[in-house]
N, C-alpha and C. Protein backbone atom coordinates (compact mmCIF):
# COMPACT_ATOMS: atom_id res chain seq x y z
N ALA A 1 -52.02 59.95 -117.14
CA ALA A 1 -51.00 61.12 -115.78
C ALA A 1 -52.31 61.87 -115.27
N ALA A 2 -52.05 61.87 -113.97
CA ALA A 2 -53.07 62.57 -113.27
C ALA A 2 -52.94 64.59 -113.40
N GLY A 3 -53.77 65.10 -114.07
CA GLY A 3 -54.69 66.81 -114.29
C GLY A 3 -53.83 66.62 -116.10
N SER A 4 -53.55 65.94 -116.50
CA SER A 4 -53.45 65.77 -117.81
C SER A 4 -54.89 65.71 -118.63
N ALA A 5 -55.06 66.04 -120.03
CA ALA A 5 -56.41 66.16 -120.57
C ALA A 5 -55.87 65.66 -121.94
N LEU A 6 -57.08 64.94 -122.57
CA LEU A 6 -56.89 64.70 -123.95
C LEU A 6 -57.44 65.37 -125.00
N VAL A 7 -56.54 66.19 -125.98
CA VAL A 7 -56.84 66.99 -126.25
C VAL A 7 -57.02 66.50 -128.16
N SER A 8 -58.16 66.91 -128.50
CA SER A 8 -58.34 65.96 -129.93
C SER A 8 -57.78 66.99 -131.11
N GLY A 9 -57.47 66.20 -131.78
CA GLY A 9 -56.42 66.43 -133.06
C GLY A 9 -56.71 67.55 -133.63
N ASP A 10 -58.22 67.82 -133.96
CA ASP A 10 -58.85 68.76 -134.73
C ASP A 10 -58.23 69.91 -133.98
N ALA A 11 -58.51 70.18 -132.73
CA ALA A 11 -58.27 71.15 -131.90
C ALA A 11 -56.73 71.84 -131.83
N VAL A 12 -55.93 70.36 -131.97
CA VAL A 12 -54.26 71.34 -132.24
C VAL A 12 -54.54 71.58 -133.49
N ILE A 13 -54.71 70.96 -134.75
CA ILE A 13 -54.58 71.48 -136.50
C ILE A 13 -54.89 73.16 -135.97
N ARG A 14 -56.07 73.66 -135.84
CA ARG A 14 -57.57 74.98 -135.87
C ARG A 14 -56.24 75.37 -134.46
N SER A 15 -55.58 75.45 -133.17
CA SER A 15 -55.32 76.51 -132.52
C SER A 15 -54.27 76.99 -133.04
N PRO A 16 -54.46 78.77 -132.65
CA PRO A 16 -52.73 79.44 -133.30
C PRO A 16 -51.45 78.95 -133.20
N ARG A 17 -51.15 79.74 -134.44
CA ARG A 17 -49.23 78.82 -134.35
C ARG A 17 -48.71 79.85 -134.94
N SER A 18 -47.47 80.16 -134.51
CA SER A 18 -45.99 80.68 -135.52
C SER A 18 -45.44 80.47 -136.71
N VAL A 19 -46.26 79.15 -137.02
CA VAL A 19 -45.75 78.58 -138.44
C VAL A 19 -47.07 78.47 -139.37
N PRO A 20 -47.14 78.27 -140.57
CA PRO A 20 -48.75 78.05 -141.32
C PRO A 20 -47.94 76.41 -141.39
N LEU A 21 -49.28 75.67 -140.99
CA LEU A 21 -50.02 74.70 -141.07
C LEU A 21 -50.51 74.17 -142.41
N LEU A 22 -49.96 73.28 -143.20
CA LEU A 22 -50.52 72.80 -144.90
C LEU A 22 -51.75 71.64 -144.85
N THR A 23 -52.81 72.08 -145.17
CA THR A 23 -53.53 70.77 -145.19
C THR A 23 -54.25 70.61 -146.35
N GLY A 24 -54.86 69.43 -146.73
CA GLY A 24 -55.48 69.34 -147.92
C GLY A 24 -54.20 68.92 -148.83
N LEU A 25 -53.51 68.60 -148.90
CA LEU A 25 -52.40 68.10 -149.71
C LEU A 25 -52.35 66.76 -150.32
N ASP A 26 -52.23 66.60 -151.89
CA ASP A 26 -52.15 65.16 -151.89
C ASP A 26 -51.49 64.17 -151.77
N PHE A 27 -51.00 62.95 -151.33
CA PHE A 27 -50.10 62.38 -151.33
C PHE A 27 -50.41 60.84 -151.55
N GLY A 28 -49.22 59.89 -151.52
CA GLY A 28 -49.27 58.55 -151.49
C GLY A 28 -49.53 57.88 -153.02
N HIS A 29 -49.61 57.20 -153.27
CA HIS A 29 -49.74 56.54 -154.36
C HIS A 29 -51.14 57.01 -155.68
N GLU A 30 -50.41 58.51 -155.65
CA GLU A 30 -51.85 59.15 -156.66
C GLU A 30 -51.24 59.81 -158.23
N GLN A 31 -51.57 60.08 -158.80
CA GLN A 31 -50.99 60.67 -160.43
C GLN A 31 -50.26 62.36 -159.40
N ARG A 32 -51.49 62.87 -159.16
CA ARG A 32 -51.44 64.20 -158.42
C ARG A 32 -50.48 64.41 -157.28
N THR A 33 -48.94 63.61 -156.69
CA THR A 33 -48.87 63.64 -155.70
C THR A 33 -47.90 64.84 -155.25
N VAL A 34 -47.64 65.33 -154.22
CA VAL A 34 -47.11 66.62 -153.96
C VAL A 34 -45.79 66.26 -152.74
N THR A 35 -44.55 66.68 -153.12
CA THR A 35 -43.55 66.18 -152.31
C THR A 35 -42.64 67.56 -151.78
N LEU A 36 -42.89 67.35 -150.47
CA LEU A 36 -42.17 69.27 -149.94
C LEU A 36 -40.45 68.09 -149.80
N PRO A 37 -39.51 68.73 -150.59
CA PRO A 37 -38.17 68.58 -150.33
C PRO A 37 -37.80 69.49 -148.86
N ILE A 38 -36.53 68.76 -147.99
CA ILE A 38 -36.41 68.99 -146.82
C ILE A 38 -35.38 70.20 -146.93
N GLY A 39 -35.29 71.20 -146.18
CA GLY A 39 -34.07 71.98 -146.47
C GLY A 39 -34.40 73.25 -147.51
N ALA A 40 -35.26 72.90 -148.12
CA ALA A 40 -36.00 74.13 -149.27
C ALA A 40 -36.43 75.44 -148.44
N ASN A 41 -36.19 76.38 -148.87
CA ASN A 41 -36.71 77.64 -148.54
C ASN A 41 -38.39 77.83 -149.46
N ALA A 42 -39.11 78.12 -148.31
CA ALA A 42 -40.82 78.00 -148.98
C ALA A 42 -41.34 79.72 -148.74
N THR A 43 -42.06 79.94 -149.41
CA THR A 43 -42.53 80.95 -149.45
C THR A 43 -44.35 80.82 -149.74
N LEU A 44 -45.22 80.96 -148.71
CA LEU A 44 -46.86 80.61 -148.69
C LEU A 44 -47.42 82.27 -148.94
N LYS A 45 -48.23 81.95 -149.92
CA LYS A 45 -49.18 83.04 -150.13
C LYS A 45 -50.35 82.76 -150.54
N ASN A 46 -51.25 83.42 -149.41
CA ASN A 46 -52.49 82.80 -149.15
C ASN A 46 -53.68 83.90 -149.66
N THR A 47 -54.26 84.23 -150.50
CA THR A 47 -55.27 85.18 -150.58
C THR A 47 -56.54 84.84 -151.05
N ARG A 48 -57.62 85.86 -151.14
CA ARG A 48 -59.17 85.18 -151.58
C ARG A 48 -58.88 84.32 -153.13
N GLN A 49 -58.25 84.88 -153.86
CA GLN A 49 -57.95 83.98 -155.08
C GLN A 49 -57.53 82.26 -154.83
N GLY A 50 -57.03 82.10 -153.94
CA GLY A 50 -55.89 80.87 -153.57
C GLY A 50 -54.81 81.20 -152.81
N THR A 51 -54.44 79.87 -152.86
CA THR A 51 -52.85 79.57 -152.04
C THR A 51 -51.89 79.28 -153.33
N GLN A 52 -50.43 80.06 -152.61
CA GLN A 52 -49.64 79.30 -153.58
C GLN A 52 -48.30 79.25 -152.29
N LEU A 53 -47.17 78.11 -152.74
CA LEU A 53 -46.33 77.69 -152.18
C LEU A 53 -45.45 77.03 -153.35
N THR A 54 -44.70 77.97 -152.93
CA THR A 54 -42.95 78.50 -153.57
C THR A 54 -42.25 77.51 -152.92
N LEU A 55 -41.49 76.84 -153.72
CA LEU A 55 -40.31 76.04 -153.09
C LEU A 55 -38.57 76.42 -153.82
N SER A 56 -37.88 76.94 -153.14
CA SER A 56 -36.59 77.13 -153.78
C SER A 56 -35.26 76.60 -153.18
N GLY A 57 -33.93 76.59 -153.57
CA GLY A 57 -32.96 76.26 -152.72
C GLY A 57 -32.76 74.94 -152.46
N HIS A 58 -33.82 74.10 -152.92
CA HIS A 58 -33.47 72.41 -152.77
C HIS A 58 -32.49 71.74 -153.91
N PRO A 59 -32.05 70.74 -154.06
CA PRO A 59 -31.24 70.07 -155.16
C PRO A 59 -32.54 69.11 -156.14
N THR A 60 -32.18 69.61 -157.54
CA THR A 60 -33.35 68.97 -158.34
C THR A 60 -32.53 68.16 -159.14
N LEU A 61 -33.21 67.16 -159.91
CA LEU A 61 -32.28 66.34 -160.88
C LEU A 61 -32.88 66.85 -162.14
N GLN A 62 -31.57 66.87 -162.91
CA GLN A 62 -32.04 67.08 -164.07
C GLN A 62 -31.70 65.94 -165.36
N LEU A 63 -33.14 65.79 -166.02
CA LEU A 63 -33.79 64.45 -166.76
C LEU A 63 -33.24 64.95 -168.36
């Protein structure tokens, strides 16, 4: 469309936003797979020592 510009995915990812954006999570057919449950409450803590994501309030299976 006239007047539109192509924006790189990297520029979009690095642009300021009002919610945190997590990158680098293991996914797919790997042993260390990260599952993010829909509807869970999340707390994201980011310090110089590292980043911690805590999830709660989602259904779990008792095995």
